[in-house]
Amino acid sequence: MTVQSNLILLSLFYFLLAGLFEIGGGYLVWLWLREGKSLWLAVGGAALLVLYGIVPTLQPAHFGRVYAAYGGVFIILSLLWGWQIDKTKPDAFDLLGGLIALIGVFIIMYWPRS
């Protein structure tokens, strides 16, 4: 593997980690507020959301580019979370929208620039 491909894999790992922290944290807060679960879930969710705020700072690009691309990653991870955790299977339009968002992520973050 080249150095560039290693950097891309590390960047994708950071996106995945940030997404799991954000969606997981938000989900725990959701369970507390919307489904009357324990306040401790909200506390755990808040801790995960703080970690979500930290992880994107490890990305090699600047803030605007990272957060713009992260929006696309968030779309994909949210669909996967809903499918696996809430048992809401994505339909064809969810998949198409997710694919478009993922293409956007790769263009924003990894397209060669001069």
N, C-alpha and C. Protein backbone atom coordinates (compact mmCIF):
# COMPACT_ATOMS: atom_id res chain seq x y z
N MET A 1 0.83 -1.19 0.00
CA MET A 1 0.00 0.00 0.00
C MET A 1 0.87 1.25 0.00
N THR A 2 0.38 2.26 -0.66
CA THR A 2 1.11 3.52 -0.69
C THR A 2 0.77 4.35 0.53
N VAL A 3 1.58 5.36 0.75
CA VAL A 3 1.33 6.27 1.87
C VAL A 3 -0.03 6.93 1.69
N GLN A 4 -0.35 7.31 0.45
CA GLN A 4 -1.63 7.98 0.18
C GLN A 4 -2.81 7.06 0.50
N SER A 5 -2.74 5.80 0.11
CA SER A 5 -3.85 4.89 0.40
C SER A 5 -3.96 4.62 1.90
N ASN A 6 -2.83 4.60 2.62
CA ASN A 6 -2.88 4.45 4.07
C ASN A 6 -3.55 5.66 4.72
N LEU A 7 -3.26 6.86 4.22
CA LEU A 7 -3.90 8.07 4.75
C LEU A 7 -5.40 8.06 4.50
N ILE A 8 -5.81 7.58 3.34
CA ILE A 8 -7.24 7.49 3.03
C ILE A 8 -7.91 6.49 3.95
N LEU A 9 -7.29 5.34 4.16
CA LEU A 9 -7.87 4.34 5.08
C LEU A 9 -7.97 4.88 6.50
N LEU A 10 -6.96 5.60 6.96
CA LEU A 10 -7.00 6.19 8.29
C LEU A 10 -8.10 7.25 8.37
N SER A 11 -8.23 8.04 7.34
CA SER A 11 -9.28 9.05 7.30
C SER A 11 -10.67 8.41 7.33
N LEU A 12 -10.86 7.34 6.57
CA LEU A 12 -12.14 6.64 6.58
C LEU A 12 -12.42 6.04 7.96
N PHE A 13 -11.38 5.53 8.62
CA PHE A 13 -11.54 5.03 9.98
C PHE A 13 -12.02 6.13 10.91
N TYR A 14 -11.44 7.33 10.80
CA TYR A 14 -11.87 8.45 11.64
C TYR A 14 -13.32 8.83 11.36
N PHE A 15 -13.71 8.81 10.09
CA PHE A 15 -15.11 9.09 9.75
C PHE A 15 -16.04 8.06 10.39
N LEU A 16 -15.67 6.80 10.29
CA LEU A 16 -16.48 5.73 10.86
C LEU A 16 -16.58 5.87 12.38
N LEU A 17 -15.46 6.12 13.02
CA LEU A 17 -15.45 6.27 14.47
C LEU A 17 -16.28 7.47 14.91
N ALA A 18 -16.10 8.60 14.24
CA ALA A 18 -16.89 9.79 14.57
C ALA A 18 -18.38 9.52 14.37
N GLY A 19 -18.70 8.83 13.29
CA GLY A 19 -20.11 8.52 13.02
C GLY A 19 -20.72 7.63 14.07
N LEU A 20 -19.99 6.63 14.50
CA LEU A 20 -20.51 5.74 15.54
C LEU A 20 -20.70 6.50 16.86
N PHE A 21 -19.75 7.39 17.19
CA PHE A 21 -19.91 8.19 18.40
C PHE A 21 -21.12 9.12 18.29
N GLU A 22 -21.26 9.79 17.15
CA GLU A 22 -22.37 10.74 17.02
C GLU A 22 -23.72 10.04 16.97
N ILE A 23 -23.85 9.05 16.13
CA ILE A 23 -25.13 8.37 16.01
C ILE A 23 -25.45 7.58 17.28
N GLY A 24 -24.45 6.90 17.82
CA GLY A 24 -24.66 6.17 19.07
C GLY A 24 -25.04 7.10 20.21
N GLY A 25 -24.34 8.22 20.33
CA GLY A 25 -24.66 9.18 21.37
C GLY A 25 -26.04 9.78 21.20
N GLY A 26 -26.36 10.17 19.97
CA GLY A 26 -27.68 10.70 19.69
C GLY A 26 -28.78 9.68 19.95
N TYR A 27 -28.50 8.45 19.63
CA TYR A 27 -29.48 7.38 19.83
C TYR A 27 -29.77 7.17 21.31
N LEU A 28 -28.71 7.22 22.13
CA LEU A 28 -28.92 7.06 23.57
C LEU A 28 -29.74 8.21 24.15
N VAL A 29 -29.47 9.42 23.69
CA VAL A 29 -30.28 10.56 24.13
C VAL A 29 -31.72 10.40 23.64
N TRP A 30 -31.89 9.94 22.42
CA TRP A 30 -33.22 9.66 21.85
C TRP A 30 -33.98 8.68 22.73
N LEU A 31 -33.31 7.59 23.10
CA LEU A 31 -33.97 6.58 23.95
C LEU A 31 -34.42 7.18 25.27
N TRP A 32 -33.59 8.04 25.84
CA TRP A 32 -33.94 8.68 27.10
C TRP A 32 -35.15 9.61 26.94
N LEU A 33 -35.09 10.49 25.96
CA LEU A 33 -36.15 11.49 25.80
C LEU A 33 -37.42 10.94 25.16
N ARG A 34 -37.27 10.15 24.13
CA ARG A 34 -38.44 9.70 23.37
C ARG A 34 -39.07 8.43 23.89
N GLU A 35 -38.27 7.59 24.55
CA GLU A 35 -38.79 6.30 24.97
C GLU A 35 -38.75 6.10 26.48
N GLY A 36 -38.45 7.19 27.21
CA GLY A 36 -38.51 7.15 28.66
C GLY A 36 -37.50 6.23 29.33
N LYS A 37 -36.38 6.01 28.67
CA LYS A 37 -35.34 5.15 29.26
C LYS A 37 -34.55 5.93 30.33
N SER A 38 -33.64 5.25 30.96
CA SER A 38 -32.86 5.80 32.07
C SER A 38 -32.07 7.05 31.68
N LEU A 39 -31.98 7.97 32.63
CA LEU A 39 -31.15 9.16 32.45
C LEU A 39 -29.69 8.79 32.18
N TRP A 40 -29.26 7.65 32.69
CA TRP A 40 -27.88 7.21 32.47
C TRP A 40 -27.58 6.99 30.99
N LEU A 41 -28.60 6.63 30.22
CA LEU A 41 -28.38 6.52 28.77
C LEU A 41 -28.05 7.88 28.18
N ALA A 42 -28.74 8.91 28.66
CA ALA A 42 -28.46 10.27 28.18
C ALA A 42 -27.05 10.71 28.57
N VAL A 43 -26.63 10.36 29.78
CA VAL A 43 -25.28 10.71 30.23
C VAL A 43 -24.24 10.01 29.35
N GLY A 44 -24.45 8.73 29.10
CA GLY A 44 -23.56 7.99 28.20
C GLY A 44 -23.58 8.57 26.80
N GLY A 45 -24.78 8.94 26.33
CA GLY A 45 -24.90 9.55 25.01
C GLY A 45 -24.15 10.86 24.93
N ALA A 46 -24.25 11.67 25.99
CA ALA A 46 -23.52 12.95 26.01
C ALA A 46 -22.01 12.72 25.95
N ALA A 47 -21.53 11.72 26.65
CA ALA A 47 -20.10 11.41 26.61
C ALA A 47 -19.67 11.00 25.20
N LEU A 48 -20.48 10.20 24.54
CA LEU A 48 -20.17 9.81 23.16
C LEU A 48 -20.18 11.01 22.23
N LEU A 49 -21.11 11.93 22.45
CA LEU A 49 -21.18 13.12 21.61
C LEU A 49 -19.95 14.01 21.80
N VAL A 50 -19.41 14.06 23.02
CA VAL A 50 -18.16 14.81 23.24
C VAL A 50 -17.03 14.15 22.46
N LEU A 51 -16.96 12.82 22.50
CA LEU A 51 -15.93 12.12 21.73
C LEU A 51 -16.10 12.36 20.23
N TYR A 52 -17.35 12.42 19.79
CA TYR A 52 -17.60 12.74 18.39
C TYR A 52 -17.00 14.10 18.02
N GLY A 53 -17.09 15.05 18.92
CA GLY A 53 -16.52 16.36 18.66
C GLY A 53 -15.00 16.37 18.56
N ILE A 54 -14.36 15.40 19.18
CA ILE A 54 -12.90 15.32 19.20
C ILE A 54 -12.34 14.60 17.97
N VAL A 55 -12.96 13.50 17.60
CA VAL A 55 -12.40 12.63 16.55
C VAL A 55 -12.19 13.35 15.21
N PRO A 56 -13.11 14.18 14.72
CA PRO A 56 -12.86 14.82 13.43
C PRO A 56 -11.62 15.72 13.40
N THR A 57 -11.16 16.16 14.56
CA THR A 57 -9.95 16.99 14.57
C THR A 57 -8.71 16.20 14.15
N LEU A 58 -8.82 14.88 14.11
CA LEU A 58 -7.70 14.05 13.70
C LEU A 58 -7.59 13.94 12.18
N GLN A 59 -8.61 14.40 11.47
CA GLN A 59 -8.60 14.34 10.00
C GLN A 59 -7.53 15.28 9.44
N PRO A 60 -6.95 14.93 8.29
CA PRO A 60 -5.88 15.75 7.72
C PRO A 60 -6.37 17.03 7.02
N ALA A 61 -7.63 17.10 6.66
CA ALA A 61 -8.14 18.25 5.91
C ALA A 61 -8.64 19.33 6.85
N HIS A 62 -9.03 20.48 6.28
CA HIS A 62 -9.52 21.59 7.09
C HIS A 62 -10.98 21.36 7.50
N PHE A 63 -11.43 22.14 8.48
CA PHE A 63 -12.74 21.96 9.12
C PHE A 63 -13.88 21.87 8.10
N GLY A 64 -13.98 22.82 7.21
CA GLY A 64 -15.10 22.85 6.26
C GLY A 64 -15.18 21.62 5.40
N ARG A 65 -14.05 21.19 4.90
CA ARG A 65 -14.02 20.00 4.04
C ARG A 65 -14.38 18.75 4.84
N VAL A 66 -13.82 18.62 6.03
CA VAL A 66 -14.09 17.44 6.86
C VAL A 66 -15.58 17.36 7.20
N TYR A 67 -16.16 18.47 7.65
CA TYR A 67 -17.56 18.42 8.07
C TYR A 67 -18.51 18.30 6.88
N ALA A 68 -18.14 18.86 5.74
CA ALA A 68 -18.97 18.67 4.54
C ALA A 68 -18.98 17.20 4.13
N ALA A 69 -17.81 16.60 4.11
CA ALA A 69 -17.72 15.18 3.74
C ALA A 69 -18.38 14.30 4.80
N TYR A 70 -18.22 14.69 6.06
CA TYR A 70 -18.81 13.89 7.13
C TYR A 70 -20.33 13.81 6.99
N GLY A 71 -20.95 14.84 6.43
CA GLY A 71 -22.39 14.80 6.21
C GLY A 71 -22.79 13.59 5.38
N GLY A 72 -22.01 13.28 4.36
CA GLY A 72 -22.30 12.11 3.53
C GLY A 72 -22.08 10.81 4.28
N VAL A 73 -21.02 10.76 5.08
CA VAL A 73 -20.76 9.57 5.89
C VAL A 73 -21.90 9.37 6.89
N PHE A 74 -22.36 10.47 7.48
CA PHE A 74 -23.45 10.41 8.44
C PHE A 74 -24.71 9.82 7.81
N ILE A 75 -24.99 10.20 6.57
CA ILE A 75 -26.16 9.66 5.86
C ILE A 75 -26.05 8.14 5.76
N ILE A 76 -24.91 7.65 5.31
CA ILE A 76 -24.73 6.21 5.15
C ILE A 76 -24.83 5.49 6.50
N LEU A 77 -24.13 6.01 7.50
CA LEU A 77 -24.14 5.35 8.80
C LEU A 77 -25.53 5.40 9.45
N SER A 78 -26.26 6.48 9.23
CA SER A 78 -27.62 6.58 9.78
C SER A 78 -28.53 5.53 9.15
N LEU A 79 -28.41 5.34 7.84
CA LEU A 79 -29.21 4.31 7.18
C LEU A 79 -28.85 2.92 7.71
N LEU A 80 -27.56 2.66 7.87
CA LEU A 80 -27.12 1.37 8.39
C LEU A 80 -27.57 1.17 9.84
N TRP A 81 -27.48 2.22 10.65
CA TRP A 81 -27.92 2.14 12.05
C TRP A 81 -29.42 1.83 12.10
N GLY A 82 -30.19 2.57 11.32
CA GLY A 82 -31.63 2.34 11.29
C GLY A 82 -31.98 0.92 10.86
N TRP A 83 -31.24 0.42 9.91
CA TRP A 83 -31.49 -0.93 9.39
C TRP A 83 -31.13 -1.99 10.44
N GLN A 84 -29.96 -1.85 11.06
CA GLN A 84 -29.49 -2.88 11.97
C GLN A 84 -30.04 -2.74 13.40
N ILE A 85 -30.19 -1.52 13.88
CA ILE A 85 -30.60 -1.30 15.26
C ILE A 85 -32.12 -1.15 15.36
N ASP A 86 -32.71 -0.32 14.50
CA ASP A 86 -34.16 -0.09 14.55
C ASP A 86 -34.95 -1.03 13.63
N LYS A 87 -34.23 -1.84 12.87
CA LYS A 87 -34.86 -2.81 11.96
C LYS A 87 -35.75 -2.13 10.91
N THR A 88 -35.29 -0.97 10.43
CA THR A 88 -35.98 -0.25 9.36
C THR A 88 -35.12 -0.37 8.10
N LYS A 89 -35.51 -1.27 7.22
CA LYS A 89 -34.72 -1.55 6.02
C LYS A 89 -34.76 -0.36 5.07
N PRO A 90 -33.60 0.09 4.59
CA PRO A 90 -33.59 1.18 3.62
C PRO A 90 -34.23 0.75 2.30
N ASP A 91 -34.97 1.67 1.69
CA ASP A 91 -35.57 1.34 0.39
C ASP A 91 -34.63 1.80 -0.73
N ALA A 92 -35.06 1.62 -1.96
CA ALA A 92 -34.21 1.93 -3.12
C ALA A 92 -33.81 3.40 -3.14
N PHE A 93 -34.70 4.29 -2.71
CA PHE A 93 -34.38 5.71 -2.72
C PHE A 93 -33.40 6.07 -1.62
N ASP A 94 -33.49 5.40 -0.48
CA ASP A 94 -32.49 5.57 0.58
C ASP A 94 -31.12 5.16 0.06
N LEU A 95 -31.08 4.02 -0.61
CA LEU A 95 -29.80 3.50 -1.12
C LEU A 95 -29.23 4.41 -2.19
N LEU A 96 -30.07 4.90 -3.09
CA LEU A 96 -29.61 5.81 -4.13
C LEU A 96 -29.08 7.11 -3.52
N GLY A 97 -29.84 7.68 -2.60
CA GLY A 97 -29.38 8.90 -1.94
C GLY A 97 -28.09 8.68 -1.18
N GLY A 98 -27.97 7.54 -0.51
CA GLY A 98 -26.74 7.22 0.21
C GLY A 98 -25.55 7.08 -0.73
N LEU A 99 -25.77 6.45 -1.88
CA LEU A 99 -24.69 6.31 -2.87
C LEU A 99 -24.24 7.67 -3.39
N ILE A 100 -25.19 8.53 -3.69
CA ILE A 100 -24.85 9.88 -4.15
C ILE A 100 -24.04 10.61 -3.08
N ALA A 101 -24.48 10.50 -1.82
CA ALA A 101 -23.76 11.15 -0.73
C ALA A 101 -22.35 10.59 -0.59
N LEU A 102 -22.21 9.28 -0.73
CA LEU A 102 -20.89 8.66 -0.60
C LEU A 102 -19.96 9.10 -1.74
N ILE A 103 -20.49 9.23 -2.93
CA ILE A 103 -19.69 9.75 -4.05
C ILE A 103 -19.22 11.16 -3.71
N GLY A 104 -20.11 11.96 -3.12
CA GLY A 104 -19.74 13.31 -2.71
C GLY A 104 -18.61 13.31 -1.69
N VAL A 105 -18.65 12.37 -0.75
CA VAL A 105 -17.59 12.26 0.25
C VAL A 105 -16.25 12.05 -0.43
N PHE A 106 -16.20 11.12 -1.36
CA PHE A 106 -14.92 10.81 -2.01
C PHE A 106 -14.43 11.96 -2.88
N ILE A 107 -15.35 12.68 -3.50
CA ILE A 107 -14.93 13.84 -4.29
C ILE A 107 -14.39 14.93 -3.37
N ILE A 108 -15.12 15.24 -2.30
CA ILE A 108 -14.71 16.31 -1.40
C ILE A 108 -13.38 16.00 -0.71
N MET A 109 -13.25 14.80 -0.20
CA MET A 109 -12.07 14.48 0.63
C MET A 109 -10.88 13.96 -0.15
N TYR A 110 -11.11 13.20 -1.19
CA TYR A 110 -10.00 12.42 -1.75
C TYR A 110 -9.69 12.70 -3.22
N TRP A 111 -10.45 13.56 -3.86
CA TRP A 111 -10.16 13.87 -5.26
C TRP A 111 -8.81 14.59 -5.34
N PRO A 112 -7.95 14.14 -6.24
CA PRO A 112 -6.62 14.78 -6.33
C PRO A 112 -6.74 16.27 -6.67
N ARG A 113 -5.99 17.06 -5.98
CA ARG A 113 -5.97 18.51 -6.21
C ARG A 113 -4.54 18.92 -6.55
N SER A 114 -4.47 19.98 -7.32
CA SER A 114 -3.12 20.44 -7.71
C SER A 114 -2.55 21.43 -6.74
